[in-house]
Protein backbone atom coordinates (compact mmCIF):
# COMPACT_ATOMS: atom_id res chain seq x y z
CA MET A 1 2.19 7.69 -1.97
CA MET A 2 3.74 4.27 -2.37
CA ARG A 3 4.55 1.73 0.28
CA PRO A 4 7.11 3.06 2.79
CA GLY A 5 10.46 1.53 1.94
CA LEU A 6 9.09 0.13 -1.31
CA THR A 7 11.53 1.93 -3.57
CA VAL A 8 14.55 0.01 -2.25
CA ALA A 9 12.76 -3.31 -2.57
CA LEU A 10 11.57 -2.50 -6.07
CA VAL A 11 15.10 -1.68 -7.15
CA MET A 12 16.05 -5.19 -6.02
CA LEU A 13 12.87 -6.61 -7.49
CA MET A 14 13.05 -5.09 -10.95
CA GLY A 15 16.34 -3.33 -11.34
CA SER A 16 14.61 0.00 -11.99
CA GLY A 17 12.70 2.77 -10.27
CA ALA A 18 9.30 1.69 -11.60
CA ALA A 19 7.59 2.31 -8.31
CA GLU A 20 5.22 4.93 -9.66
CA ALA A 21 3.09 2.78 -11.95
CA GLN A 22 0.37 0.17 -11.56
CA VAL A 23 -1.02 0.47 -8.09
CA GLN A 24 -2.61 -1.69 -5.43
CA VAL A 25 -5.85 -0.09 -4.28
CA ARG A 26 -8.83 -1.76 -2.62
CA LEU A 27 -11.89 0.08 -1.40
CA GLY A 28 -15.36 -1.06 -0.41
CA GLU A 29 -14.67 -4.79 -0.81
CA PRO A 30 -16.74 -6.76 1.73
CA GLY A 31 -14.68 -8.68 4.24
CA ARG A 32 -11.39 -6.95 3.43
CA ALA A 33 -9.67 -3.84 4.74
CA THR A 34 -9.25 -0.74 2.61
CA TYR A 35 -5.78 -0.48 1.08
CA SER A 36 -4.15 2.20 -1.02
CA GLU A 37 -0.59 2.87 -2.12
CA LEU A 38 -1.64 6.21 -3.59
CA HIS A 39 -3.47 7.86 -0.73
CA GLU A 40 -2.69 8.78 2.84
CA ALA A 41 -5.22 7.11 5.16
CA LEU A 42 -7.95 6.65 2.55
CA ARG A 43 -11.33 6.27 4.22
CA GLU A 44 -14.74 5.46 2.78
CA GLY A 45 -17.19 8.33 2.59
CA THR A 46 -14.59 11.00 1.87
CA PRO A 47 -14.29 12.96 -1.40
CA ALA A 48 -11.02 11.15 -2.15
CA ALA A 49 -12.70 7.78 -1.66
CA ASP A 50 -15.64 8.80 -3.84
CA SER A 51 -13.23 9.75 -6.61
CA VAL A 52 -11.41 6.43 -6.30
CA LEU A 53 -14.65 4.45 -6.44
CA SER A 54 -15.78 6.39 -9.49
CA ILE A 55 -12.64 5.30 -11.34
CA LEU A 56 -12.62 1.73 -10.01
CA HIS A 57 -16.23 1.24 -11.07
CA SER A 58 -15.81 2.80 -14.51
CA LYS A 59 -16.71 0.58 -17.45
CA ALA A 60 -15.66 3.09 -20.11
CA PRO A 61 -12.17 2.28 -21.44
CA ALA A 62 -12.05 5.41 -23.60
CA ARG A 63 -12.69 7.65 -20.60
CA LEU A 64 -10.00 5.87 -18.59
CA TRP A 65 -7.49 6.20 -21.43
CA ARG A 66 -8.24 9.92 -21.67
CA ARG A 67 -7.45 10.27 -17.96
CA MET A 68 -4.05 8.75 -18.63
CA ARG A 69 -3.48 11.05 -21.59
CA ALA A 70 -4.34 14.09 -19.47
CA ALA A 71 -1.95 12.90 -16.75
CA VAL A 72 1.00 12.38 -19.12
CA ASN A 73 0.31 15.73 -20.80
CA GLY A 74 0.42 17.47 -17.45
CA THR A 75 -3.20 18.61 -17.60
CA GLY A 76 -4.63 15.92 -15.33
CA ASP A 77 -3.98 14.42 -11.91
CA TRP A 78 -1.18 11.82 -11.99
CA ASN A 79 -2.65 9.60 -9.28
CA SER A 80 -6.00 9.52 -11.07
CA GLY A 81 -4.19 8.63 -14.28
CA LEU A 82 -2.45 5.69 -12.61
CA LEU A 83 -5.68 4.52 -11.05
CA ALA A 84 -7.41 4.79 -14.43
CA LEU A 85 -4.77 2.56 -16.02
CA THR A 86 -5.11 0.06 -13.19
CA ARG A 87 -8.85 -0.10 -13.79
CA LEU A 88 -8.33 -0.27 -17.55
CA ALA A 89 -6.17 -3.37 -17.11
CA THR A 90 -8.99 -5.17 -15.31
CA LEU A 91 -11.42 -4.44 -18.17
CA ARG A 92 -9.23 -6.41 -20.63
CA SER A 93 -10.30 -4.31 -23.60
CA ARG A 94 -8.88 -5.63 -26.87
CA ALA A 95 -8.72 -2.17 -28.44
CA TYR A 96 -6.95 -0.54 -25.51
CA ALA A 97 -4.60 -3.46 -25.01
CA ASP A 98 -3.55 -2.82 -28.62
CA SER A 99 -3.18 0.89 -27.82
CA ALA A 100 -1.09 0.05 -24.75
CA ALA A 101 1.15 -2.26 -26.81
CA ARG A 102 1.70 0.44 -29.43
CA LEU A 103 2.61 2.97 -26.75
CA GLN A 104 4.95 0.39 -25.17
CA ARG A 105 6.77 -0.05 -28.47
CA ARG A 106 7.14 3.70 -28.90
CA LEU A 107 8.56 4.10 -25.40
CA GLU A 108 10.96 1.22 -25.97
CA ARG A 109 12.46 3.12 -28.92
CA GLY A 110 13.83 5.57 -26.39
CA ASP A 111 12.56 8.86 -27.79
CA SER A 112 13.75 11.74 -25.58
CA PRO A 113 11.84 13.15 -23.92
CA PRO A 114 9.18 10.44 -24.18
CA PHE A 115 6.40 12.89 -23.29
CA PRO A 116 7.29 16.33 -24.71
CA ALA A 117 4.31 18.01 -23.04
CA ASN A 118 5.50 16.72 -19.65
CA PRO A 119 9.32 16.46 -19.86
CA GLY A 120 9.68 15.45 -16.21
CA LEU A 121 7.86 12.19 -16.89
CA LYS A 122 9.99 9.15 -17.72
CA ALA A 123 9.05 6.16 -19.86
CA GLU A 124 9.41 3.84 -16.86
CA ASP A 125 6.77 5.85 -15.00
CA LEU A 126 4.18 4.49 -17.43
CA GLN A 127 5.58 1.23 -18.82
CA PRO A 128 4.51 -1.08 -15.95
CA SER A 129 0.89 0.02 -16.26
CA LEU A 130 0.97 -0.56 -20.01
CA GLN A 131 2.47 -4.00 -19.41
CA ALA A 132 -0.34 -4.84 -16.99
CA ILE A 133 -2.96 -3.85 -19.57
CA VAL A 134 -1.32 -6.05 -22.21
CA LEU A 135 -0.98 -9.02 -19.84
CA GLU A 136 -4.54 -8.83 -18.55
CA ARG A 137 -5.80 -8.97 -22.13
CA ARG A 138 -3.48 -11.93 -22.73
CA ARG A 139 -5.06 -13.67 -19.74
CA ALA A 140 -8.46 -13.33 -21.40
CA VAL A 141 -7.17 -14.81 -24.65
CA GLN A 142 -4.56 -17.39 -23.60
CA GLY A 143 -5.48 -18.14 -19.98
CA ASP A 144 -3.71 -17.76 -16.66
CA ALA A 145 -1.33 -20.69 -17.14
CA ALA A 146 0.26 -19.14 -20.23
CA VAL A 147 0.73 -15.76 -18.56
CA LEU A 148 2.12 -17.40 -15.43
CA ALA A 149 4.67 -19.37 -17.45
CA ASP A 150 5.75 -16.21 -19.26
CA ILE A 151 6.29 -14.18 -16.08
CA LEU A 152 8.01 -16.97 -14.15
CA ALA A 153 10.42 -17.54 -17.05
CA ARG A 154 11.50 -13.88 -16.96
CA ILE A 155 12.14 -13.61 -13.21
CA PRO A 156 15.56 -15.38 -13.16
CA THR A 157 16.83 -12.89 -15.75
CA LYS A 158 15.20 -9.94 -13.95
CA ARG A 159 13.23 -8.95 -17.06
CA TYR A 160 10.03 -7.99 -15.31
CA ASP A 161 8.52 -4.92 -13.74
CA HIS A 162 5.84 -3.71 -11.35
CA GLY A 163 3.11 -4.40 -13.91
CA ASP A 164 4.20 -8.02 -14.20
CA ALA A 165 4.19 -8.32 -10.39
CA TRP A 166 0.69 -6.82 -10.18
CA VAL A 167 -0.69 -9.26 -12.76
CA LEU A 168 1.16 -12.19 -11.19
CA GLY A 169 -0.61 -11.49 -7.91
CA ARG A 170 -3.98 -11.77 -9.66
CA LEU A 171 -3.32 -15.10 -11.38
CA GLY A 172 -4.85 -18.44 -10.59
CA ALA A 173 -3.32 -21.60 -12.10
CA GLY A 174 -1.34 -22.24 -8.92
CA ALA A 175 0.58 -18.95 -9.20
CA ALA A 176 0.83 -18.33 -5.45
CA ASP A 177 2.07 -21.88 -4.83
CA SER A 178 4.62 -21.56 -7.64
CA VAL A 179 6.05 -18.32 -6.30
CA ALA A 180 6.07 -19.64 -2.71
CA ALA A 181 7.99 -22.72 -3.85
CA ARG A 182 10.53 -20.56 -5.65
CA PHE A 183 10.88 -18.38 -2.57
CA ARG A 184 11.67 -21.41 -0.42
CA SER A 185 14.15 -22.86 -2.89
CA ALA A 186 15.91 -19.66 -4.01
CA ASP A 187 19.68 -20.06 -3.69
CA SER A 188 20.58 -16.40 -3.15
CA GLU A 189 19.50 -13.65 -0.79
CA GLU A 190 18.63 -11.41 -3.71
CA PHE A 191 16.17 -13.88 -5.20
CA ARG A 192 14.68 -14.77 -1.83
CA VAL A 193 13.87 -11.06 -1.42
CA ARG A 194 12.57 -10.88 -4.98
CA TYR A 195 10.22 -13.82 -4.54
CA LEU A 196 9.08 -12.60 -1.11
CA THR A 197 8.28 -9.23 -2.64
CA LEU A 198 6.30 -10.95 -5.39
CA LEU A 199 4.37 -12.92 -2.77
CA SER A 200 3.25 -9.62 -1.25
CA TYR A 201 1.15 -8.97 -4.40
CA PHE A 202 -1.12 -11.96 -3.83
CA ASN A 203 -4.30 -11.75 -1.76
CA ASP A 204 -4.55 -15.53 -1.29
CA PRO A 205 -5.34 -16.33 2.37
CA GLN A 206 -3.41 -19.60 2.03
CA LEU A 207 -0.23 -17.51 2.22
CA ILE A 208 -1.03 -16.24 5.72
CA PRO A 209 0.94 -18.92 7.64
CA LEU A 210 4.04 -18.55 5.47
CA LEU A 211 4.07 -14.75 5.61
CA SER A 212 3.53 -14.83 9.37
CA ARG A 213 6.51 -17.14 9.84
CA VAL A 214 8.71 -14.98 7.66
CA TYR A 215 7.81 -11.92 9.70
CA VAL A 216 8.57 -13.56 13.05
CA ALA A 217 11.73 -15.38 11.93
CA PRO A 218 13.20 -13.78 8.78
CA ASP A 219 16.66 -15.20 9.54
CA SER A 220 15.35 -18.74 9.27
CA PHE A 221 14.31 -18.01 5.66
CA GLY A 222 17.57 -16.26 4.78
CA ILE A 223 15.83 -12.88 4.59
CA PRO A 224 17.52 -9.73 5.96
CA LYS A 225 15.40 -8.41 8.79
CA ARG A 226 14.66 -5.11 7.08
CA TYR A 227 12.89 -7.02 4.29
CA ALA A 228 10.51 -8.71 6.70
CA ILE A 229 8.37 -5.66 5.92
CA ARG A 230 7.44 -7.46 2.68
CA ALA A 231 5.70 -10.16 4.73
CA SER A 232 3.79 -7.44 6.57
CA ASP A 233 2.84 -5.90 3.22
CA GLY A 234 1.51 -9.24 2.05
CA LEU A 235 -0.62 -9.82 5.13
CA LEU A 236 -2.03 -6.31 4.91
CA TRP A 237 -2.80 -6.70 1.19
CA ILE A 238 -4.67 -9.95 1.83
CA GLY A 239 -6.74 -7.79 4.15
CA THR A 240 -9.05 -10.38 5.70
CA PRO A 241 -9.71 -10.61 9.45
CA ALA A 242 -7.50 -13.71 9.55
CA SER A 243 -4.56 -11.99 7.86
CA LEU A 244 -4.86 -8.84 9.97
CA GLN A 245 -5.01 -10.90 13.16
CA ALA A 246 -2.01 -12.88 11.96
CA LEU A 247 -0.07 -9.65 11.42
CA LEU A 248 -1.03 -8.39 14.88
CA ASP A 249 0.05 -11.71 16.44
CA ALA A 250 3.29 -11.79 14.44
CA ARG A 251 4.21 -8.33 15.66
CA GLU A 252 3.63 -9.32 19.26
CA GLU A 253 5.73 -12.47 18.85
CA ALA A 254 8.50 -10.51 17.12
CA ARG A 255 8.43 -8.00 19.96
CA ARG A 256 8.64 -10.79 22.53
CA ARG A 257 11.61 -12.34 20.75
CA GLN A 258 13.19 -8.91 20.10
CA VAL A 259 13.59 -9.86 16.45
CA PHE A 260 13.83 -6.24 15.32
CA ALA A 261 15.59 -4.74 18.34
CA ASP A 262 18.66 -3.74 16.30
CA SER A 263 18.79 0.07 16.23
CA SER A 264 20.01 -0.02 12.61
CA LEU A 265 16.47 -1.04 11.62
CA ALA A 266 15.00 2.17 13.05
CA ARG A 267 13.83 4.97 10.78
CA GLY A 268 12.81 8.53 11.56
CA GLY A 269 13.40 8.07 15.26
CA TYR A 270 11.05 5.08 15.51
CA ASP A 271 11.92 1.42 15.73
CA PHE A 272 11.04 -1.16 13.08
CA LEU A 273 7.78 -2.31 14.69
CA ALA A 274 6.56 1.23 15.31
CA ASN A 275 7.18 2.17 11.70
CA ASP A 276 5.50 -0.99 10.48
CA SER A 277 2.50 -0.24 12.67
CA SER A 278 2.24 3.32 11.36
CA THR A 279 2.06 2.11 7.77
CA VAL A 280 -1.29 0.48 8.57
CA ILE A 281 -2.84 3.89 9.16
CA SER A 282 -1.19 5.28 6.07
CA ARG A 283 -2.40 2.52 3.77
CA THR A 284 -5.73 1.56 5.32
CA GLY A 285 -6.90 4.58 7.34
CA LYS A 286 -7.35 2.60 10.58
CA TRP A 287 -5.40 0.63 13.15
CA LEU A 288 -5.43 -3.15 12.85
CA THR A 289 -7.51 -3.48 16.02
CA GLN A 290 -10.14 -1.14 14.58
CA TRP A 291 -10.27 -3.11 11.34
CA LEU A 292 -10.72 -6.35 13.23
CA GLN A 293 -13.72 -4.87 15.04
CA ASP A 294 -15.19 -3.41 11.84
CA LEU A 295 -14.79 -6.61 9.83
CA GLN A 296 -16.50 -8.88 12.39
């Protein structure tokens, strides 16, 4: 499962439906809440969590690549395949970055179907994860500044995908500051939403004040209210007690100001704030208040 409402934002973000590749998952990290786009209410100590940890702790690139191969051939679990590619990116293996680049080039040729053993699978379902693997290896060789410059240069022409966004959120070299500055200075609603969405991939606590302000007063940043959910995503992905408290406080302030009172923002019979609150359980397995107690 991906972020609720993410598909629409990703269409704006990347111009494609690449929402199924390269995932944000965090489990068992001290001082931060669990987070998963793939699982419903993932909780430590469960069989699902054990399986996730096994993949996230793997140091065997060949085994991870085989998981992907099984997934694209229809003989393995797709979520496990995506998680394996996410882990493979972090290992920065030279050999498997080369393999990912070769597979990228084949998919770019447009063979149809791209995966004959699994004809329902599209090239764009896999391409962002392959891009992340290639870019993480490039980070190891060229450094964060070079990768940052490459990604930032492609954003104005919309030539980037979910894998680029995932890697961008991991970069140092002032990446968070650079994206925040572009968010503030963007001269169109579309690019303000794009840069806000990109900010939601960073786990830098320095972004907490900005994201909190966007959530409480999206109009003042030129952001349509429905996309304030990206600020909530960012605070939840940061996942520290400070960011979770900031999200709780921002919700209360937004409720007091009736920022999201418009019925057009409701979904499934629930208002904007109720839906936003429910996503916490879906992605983290607990309410914000419970996480704040557990992380003390």
